[in-house]
Amino acid sequence: YSSVPPVETFDTVLYATGRSADTE
């Protein structure tokens, strides 16, 4: 693991924190 900065700038943020059943 690298050290965690308080804030960092990115061009793209991709979320991959899970999937939900598409039943709502």
PDB file of all heavy atoms in Angstrom:
ATOM      1  N   TYR A   1       0.828  -1.199   0.000  1.00  0.00           N
ATOM      2  CA  TYR A   1       0.000   0.000   0.000  1.00  0.00           C
ATOM      3  C   TYR A   1       0.866   1.253   0.000  1.00  0.00           C
ATOM      4  O   TYR A   1       1.863   1.343   0.713  1.00  0.00           O
ATOM      5  CB  TYR A   1      -0.931   0.018   1.214  1.00  0.00           C
ATOM      6  CG  TYR A   1      -1.985  -1.061   1.170  1.00  0.00           C
ATOM      7  CD1 TYR A   1      -1.843  -2.236   1.901  1.00  0.00           C
ATOM      8  CD2 TYR A   1      -3.119  -0.904   0.377  1.00  0.00           C
ATOM      9  CE1 TYR A   1      -2.802  -3.232   1.847  1.00  0.00           C
ATOM     10  CE2 TYR A   1      -4.084  -1.899   0.320  1.00  0.00           C
ATOM     11  CZ  TYR A   1      -3.920  -3.049   1.058  1.00  0.00           C
ATOM     12  OH  TYR A   1      -4.870  -4.033   0.996  1.00  0.00           O
ATOM     13  N   SER A   2       0.445   2.229  -0.805  1.00  0.00           N
ATOM     14  CA  SER A   2       1.112   3.528  -0.818  1.00  0.00           C
ATOM     15  C   SER A   2       0.491   4.426   0.246  1.00  0.00           C
ATOM     16  O   SER A   2      -0.615   4.163   0.739  1.00  0.00           O
ATOM     17  CB  SER A   2       0.953   4.189  -2.193  1.00  0.00           C
ATOM     18  OG  SER A   2       1.502   3.382  -3.209  1.00  0.00           O
ATOM     19  N   SER A   3       1.184   5.470   0.608  1.00  0.00           N
ATOM     20  CA  SER A   3       0.633   6.420   1.571  1.00  0.00           C
ATOM     21  C   SER A   3      -0.590   7.098   0.964  1.00  0.00           C
ATOM     22  O   SER A   3      -0.676   7.310  -0.250  1.00  0.00           O
ATOM     23  CB  SER A   3       1.684   7.460   1.947  1.00  0.00           C
ATOM     24  OG  SER A   3       2.128   8.151   0.795  1.00  0.00           O
ATOM     25  N   VAL A   4      -1.545   7.435   1.823  1.00  0.00           N
ATOM     26  CA  VAL A   4      -2.820   7.991   1.376  1.00  0.00           C
ATOM     27  C   VAL A   4      -2.784   9.510   1.478  1.00  0.00           C
ATOM     28  O   VAL A   4      -2.666  10.054   2.581  1.00  0.00           O
ATOM     29  CB  VAL A   4      -3.986   7.431   2.207  1.00  0.00           C
ATOM     30  CG1 VAL A   4      -5.310   8.044   1.750  1.00  0.00           C
ATOM     31  CG2 VAL A   4      -4.035   5.913   2.110  1.00  0.00           C
ATOM     32  N   PRO A   5      -2.894  10.219   0.371  1.00  0.00           N
ATOM     33  CA  PRO A   5      -2.930  11.678   0.428  1.00  0.00           C
ATOM     34  C   PRO A   5      -4.315  12.160   0.859  1.00  0.00           C
ATOM     35  O   PRO A   5      -5.318  11.464   0.621  1.00  0.00           O
ATOM     36  CB  PRO A   5      -2.634  12.088  -1.014  1.00  0.00           C
ATOM     37  CG  PRO A   5      -3.195  10.968  -1.826  1.00  0.00           C
ATOM     38  CD  PRO A   5      -2.993   9.719  -1.015  1.00  0.00           C
ATOM     39  N   PRO A   6      -4.430  13.333   1.469  1.00  0.00           N
ATOM     40  CA  PRO A   6      -5.758  13.849   1.822  1.00  0.00           C
ATOM     41  C   PRO A   6      -6.626  14.072   0.590  1.00  0.00           C
ATOM     42  O   PRO A   6      -7.830  13.846   0.610  1.00  0.00           O
ATOM     43  CB  PRO A   6      -5.453  15.173   2.533  1.00  0.00           C
ATOM     44  CG  PRO A   6      -4.026  15.110   2.917  1.00  0.00           C
ATOM     45  CD  PRO A   6      -3.352  14.226   1.925  1.00  0.00           C
ATOM     46  N   VAL A   7      -5.996  14.531  -0.501  1.00  0.00           N
ATOM     47  CA  VAL A   7      -6.715  14.760  -1.743  1.00  0.00           C
ATOM     48  C   VAL A   7      -5.758  14.519  -2.908  1.00  0.00           C
ATOM     49  O   VAL A   7      -4.571  14.810  -2.817  1.00  0.00           O
ATOM     50  CB  VAL A   7      -7.302  16.185  -1.795  1.00  0.00           C
ATOM     51  CG1 VAL A   7      -6.207  17.235  -1.694  1.00  0.00           C
ATOM     52  CG2 VAL A   7      -8.133  16.396  -3.057  1.00  0.00           C
ATOM     53  N   GLU A   8      -6.284  13.922  -3.984  1.00  0.00           N
ATOM     54  CA  GLU A   8      -5.489  13.687  -5.182  1.00  0.00           C
ATOM     55  C   GLU A   8      -6.360  13.899  -6.409  1.00  0.00           C
ATOM     56  O   GLU A   8      -7.566  13.620  -6.379  1.00  0.00           O
ATOM     57  CB  GLU A   8      -4.902  12.274  -5.186  1.00  0.00           C
ATOM     58  CG  GLU A   8      -3.921  12.024  -6.320  1.00  0.00           C
ATOM     59  CD  GLU A   8      -3.173  10.701  -6.185  1.00  0.00           C
ATOM     60  OE1 GLU A   8      -3.252  10.067  -5.109  1.00  0.00           O
ATOM     61  OE2 GLU A   8      -2.522  10.301  -7.167  1.00  0.00           O
ATOM     62  N   THR A   9      -5.762  14.375  -7.482  1.00  0.00           N
ATOM     63  CA  THR A   9      -6.502  14.694  -8.695  1.00  0.00           C
ATOM     64  C   THR A   9      -6.379  13.570  -9.715  1.00  0.00           C
ATOM     65  O   THR A   9      -5.280  13.080  -9.981  1.00  0.00           O
ATOM     66  CB  THR A   9      -5.995  16.006  -9.309  1.00  0.00           C
ATOM     67  OG1 THR A   9      -6.081  17.043  -8.321  1.00  0.00           O
ATOM     68  CG2 THR A   9      -6.831  16.404 -10.513  1.00  0.00           C
ATOM     69  N   PHE A  10      -7.519  13.187 -10.288  1.00  0.00           N
ATOM     70  CA  PHE A  10      -7.575  12.138 -11.297  1.00  0.00           C
ATOM     71  C   PHE A  10      -8.373  12.642 -12.502  1.00  0.00           C
ATOM     72  O   PHE A  10      -9.205  13.551 -12.379  1.00  0.00           O
ATOM     73  CB  PHE A  10      -8.246  10.877 -10.743  1.00  0.00           C
ATOM     74  CG  PHE A  10      -7.480  10.210  -9.640  1.00  0.00           C
ATOM     75  CD1 PHE A  10      -7.662  10.595  -8.311  1.00  0.00           C
ATOM     76  CD2 PHE A  10      -6.583   9.199  -9.921  1.00  0.00           C
ATOM     77  CE1 PHE A  10      -6.956   9.983  -7.286  1.00  0.00           C
ATOM     78  CE2 PHE A  10      -5.868   8.575  -8.901  1.00  0.00           C
ATOM     79  CZ  PHE A  10      -6.049   8.973  -7.588  1.00  0.00           C
ATOM     80  N   ASP A  11      -8.130  12.018 -13.648  1.00  0.00           N
ATOM     81  CA  ASP A  11      -8.948  12.313 -14.820  1.00  0.00           C
ATOM     82  C   ASP A  11     -10.251  11.535 -14.798  1.00  0.00           C
ATOM     83  O   ASP A  11     -11.281  12.009 -15.276  1.00  0.00           O
ATOM     84  CB  ASP A  11      -8.172  11.965 -16.100  1.00  0.00           C
ATOM     85  CG  ASP A  11      -6.916  12.789 -16.253  1.00  0.00           C
ATOM     86  OD1 ASP A  11      -7.026  14.028 -16.339  1.00  0.00           O
ATOM     87  OD2 ASP A  11      -5.823  12.189 -16.262  1.00  0.00           O
ATOM     88  N   THR A  12     -10.185  10.319 -14.253  1.00  0.00           N
ATOM     89  CA  THR A  12     -11.357   9.436 -14.228  1.00  0.00           C
ATOM     90  C   THR A  12     -11.422   8.722 -12.884  1.00  0.00           C
ATOM     91  O   THR A  12     -10.399   8.283 -12.359  1.00  0.00           O
ATOM     92  CB  THR A  12     -11.281   8.376 -15.350  1.00  0.00           C
ATOM     93  OG1 THR A  12     -11.216   9.035 -16.615  1.00  0.00           O
ATOM     94  CG2 THR A  12     -12.480   7.455 -15.329  1.00  0.00           C
ATOM     95  N   VAL A  13     -12.640   8.604 -12.350  1.00  0.00           N
ATOM     96  CA  VAL A  13     -12.885   7.784 -11.158  1.00  0.00           C
ATOM     97  C   VAL A  13     -13.872   6.689 -11.557  1.00  0.00           C
ATOM     98  O   VAL A  13     -14.963   6.978 -12.068  1.00  0.00           O
ATOM     99  CB  VAL A  13     -13.449   8.623  -9.998  1.00  0.00           C
ATOM    100  CG1 VAL A  13     -13.819   7.721  -8.825  1.00  0.00           C
ATOM    101  CG2 VAL A  13     -12.447   9.692  -9.565  1.00  0.00           C
ATOM    102  N   LEU A  14     -13.468   5.452 -11.353  1.00  0.00           N
ATOM    103  CA  LEU A  14     -14.291   4.300 -11.716  1.00  0.00           C
ATOM    104  C   LEU A  14     -14.696   3.559 -10.451  1.00  0.00           C
ATOM    105  O   LEU A  14     -13.837   3.089  -9.699  1.00  0.00           O
ATOM    106  CB  LEU A  14     -13.524   3.371 -12.654  1.00  0.00           C
ATOM    107  CG  LEU A  14     -14.281   2.200 -13.295  1.00  0.00           C
ATOM    108  CD1 LEU A  14     -13.609   1.794 -14.603  1.00  0.00           C
ATOM    109  CD2 LEU A  14     -14.349   0.970 -12.375  1.00  0.00           C
ATOM    110  N   TYR A  15     -15.989   3.484 -10.176  1.00  0.00           N
ATOM    111  CA  TYR A  15     -16.469   2.791  -8.979  1.00  0.00           C
ATOM    112  C   TYR A  15     -16.688   1.318  -9.268  1.00  0.00           C
ATOM    113  O   TYR A  15     -17.324   0.941 -10.262  1.00  0.00           O
ATOM    114  CB  TYR A  15     -17.759   3.425  -8.467  1.00  0.00           C
ATOM    115  CG  TYR A  15     -17.507   4.315  -7.270  1.00  0.00           C
ATOM    116  CD1 TYR A  15     -17.086   5.624  -7.449  1.00  0.00           C
ATOM    117  CD2 TYR A  15     -17.638   3.840  -5.973  1.00  0.00           C
ATOM    118  CE1 TYR A  15     -16.820   6.446  -6.359  1.00  0.00           C
ATOM    119  CE2 TYR A  15     -17.374   4.641  -4.878  1.00  0.00           C
ATOM    120  CZ  TYR A  15     -16.968   5.947  -5.074  1.00  0.00           C
ATOM    121  OH  TYR A  15     -16.693   6.741  -3.987  1.00  0.00           O
ATOM    122  N   ALA A  16     -16.162   0.467  -8.383  1.00  0.00           N
ATOM    123  CA  ALA A  16     -16.303  -0.979  -8.482  1.00  0.00           C
ATOM    124  C   ALA A  16     -16.511  -1.543  -7.091  1.00  0.00           C
ATOM    125  O   ALA A  16     -15.790  -2.429  -6.640  1.00  0.00           O
ATOM    126  CB  ALA A  16     -15.070  -1.590  -9.136  1.00  0.00           C
ATOM    127  N   THR A  17     -17.504  -0.993  -6.405  1.00  0.00           N
ATOM    128  CA  THR A  17     -17.733  -1.353  -4.999  1.00  0.00           C
ATOM    129  C   THR A  17     -18.881  -2.336  -4.823  1.00  0.00           C
ATOM    130  O   THR A  17     -19.362  -2.527  -3.716  1.00  0.00           O
ATOM    131  CB  THR A  17     -18.013  -0.088  -4.170  1.00  0.00           C
ATOM    132  OG1 THR A  17     -19.023   0.700  -4.828  1.00  0.00           O
ATOM    133  CG2 THR A  17     -16.764   0.754  -4.035  1.00  0.00           C
ATOM    134  N   GLY A  18     -19.297  -2.955  -5.894  1.00  0.00           N
ATOM    135  CA  GLY A  18     -20.327  -3.975  -5.782  1.00  0.00           C
ATOM    136  C   GLY A  18     -21.429  -3.779  -6.800  1.00  0.00           C
ATOM    137  O   GLY A  18     -21.501  -2.775  -7.503  1.00  0.00           O
ATOM    138  N   ARG A  19     -22.293  -4.782  -6.871  1.00  0.00           N
ATOM    139  CA  ARG A  19     -23.433  -4.739  -7.786  1.00  0.00           C
ATOM    140  C   ARG A  19     -24.700  -5.068  -7.005  1.00  0.00           C
ATOM    141  O   ARG A  19     -24.661  -5.817  -6.022  1.00  0.00           O
ATOM    142  CB  ARG A  19     -23.245  -5.734  -8.937  1.00  0.00           C
ATOM    143  CG  ARG A  19     -22.127  -5.358  -9.872  1.00  0.00           C
ATOM    144  CD  ARG A  19     -21.884  -6.411 -10.935  1.00  0.00           C
ATOM    145  NE  ARG A  19     -22.952  -6.514 -11.908  1.00  0.00           N
ATOM    146  CZ  ARG A  19     -23.052  -5.723 -12.985  1.00  0.00           C
ATOM    147  NH1 ARG A  19     -22.173  -4.767 -13.192  1.00  0.00           N
ATOM    148  NH2 ARG A  19     -24.034  -5.887 -13.845  1.00  0.00           N
ATOM    149  N   SER A  20     -25.805  -4.495  -7.439  1.00  0.00           N
ATOM    150  CA  SER A  20     -27.102  -4.738  -6.813  1.00  0.00           C
ATOM    151  C   SER A  20     -28.010  -5.460  -7.791  1.00  0.00           C
ATOM    152  O   SER A  20     -27.982  -5.192  -8.999  1.00  0.00           O
ATOM    153  CB  SER A  20     -27.753  -3.414  -6.392  1.00  0.00           C
ATOM    154  OG  SER A  20     -26.959  -2.723  -5.463  1.00  0.00           O
ATOM    155  N   ALA A  21     -28.820  -6.371  -7.260  1.00  0.00           N
ATOM    156  CA  ALA A  21     -29.804  -7.051  -8.108  1.00  0.00           C
ATOM    157  C   ALA A  21     -30.760  -6.015  -8.691  1.00  0.00           C
ATOM    158  O   ALA A  21     -31.259  -5.143  -7.978  1.00  0.00           O
ATOM    159  CB  ALA A  21     -30.573  -8.081  -7.291  1.00  0.00           C
ATOM    160  N   ASP A  22     -31.011  -6.091  -9.986  1.00  0.00           N
ATOM    161  CA  ASP A  22     -31.838  -5.100 -10.682  1.00  0.00           C
ATOM    162  C   ASP A  22     -33.313  -5.484 -10.551  1.00  0.00           C
ATOM    163  O   ASP A  22     -33.977  -5.845 -11.533  1.00  0.00           O
ATOM    164  CB  ASP A  22     -31.413  -5.025 -12.148  1.00  0.00           C
ATOM    165  CG  ASP A  22     -31.963  -3.795 -12.849  1.00  0.00           C
ATOM    166  OD1 ASP A  22     -32.528  -2.935 -12.158  1.00  0.00           O
ATOM    167  OD2 ASP A  22     -31.815  -3.703 -14.078  1.00  0.00           O
ATOM    168  N   THR A  23     -33.837  -5.383  -9.327  1.00  0.00           N
ATOM    169  CA  THR A  23     -35.217  -5.791  -9.055  1.00  0.00           C
ATOM    170  C   THR A  23     -36.072  -4.674  -8.462  1.00  0.00           C
ATOM    171  O   THR A  23     -37.278  -4.861  -8.284  1.00  0.00           O
ATOM    172  CB  THR A  23     -35.229  -6.977  -8.067  1.00  0.00           C
ATOM    173  OG1 THR A  23     -34.521  -6.600  -6.864  1.00  0.00           O
ATOM    174  CG2 THR A  23     -34.559  -8.205  -8.664  1.00  0.00           C
ATOM    175  N   GLU A  24     -35.478  -3.520  -8.214  1.00  0.00           N
ATOM    176  CA  GLU A  24     -36.174  -2.475  -7.455  1.00  0.00           C
ATOM    177  C   GLU A  24     -37.473  -2.021  -8.121  1.00  0.00           C
ATOM    178  O   GLU A  24     -38.479  -1.781  -7.457  1.00  0.00           O
ATOM    179  CB  GLU A  24     -35.244  -1.275  -7.260  1.00  0.00           C
ATOM    180  CG  GLU A  24     -35.839  -0.172  -6.394  1.00  0.00           C
ATOM    181  CD  GLU A  24     -34.871   0.979  -6.185  1.00  0.00           C
ATOM    182  OE1 GLU A  24     -33.749   0.928  -6.716  1.00  0.00           O
ATOM    183  OE2 GLU A  24     -35.248   1.941  -5.480  1.00  0.00           O
TER     184      GLU A  24
END
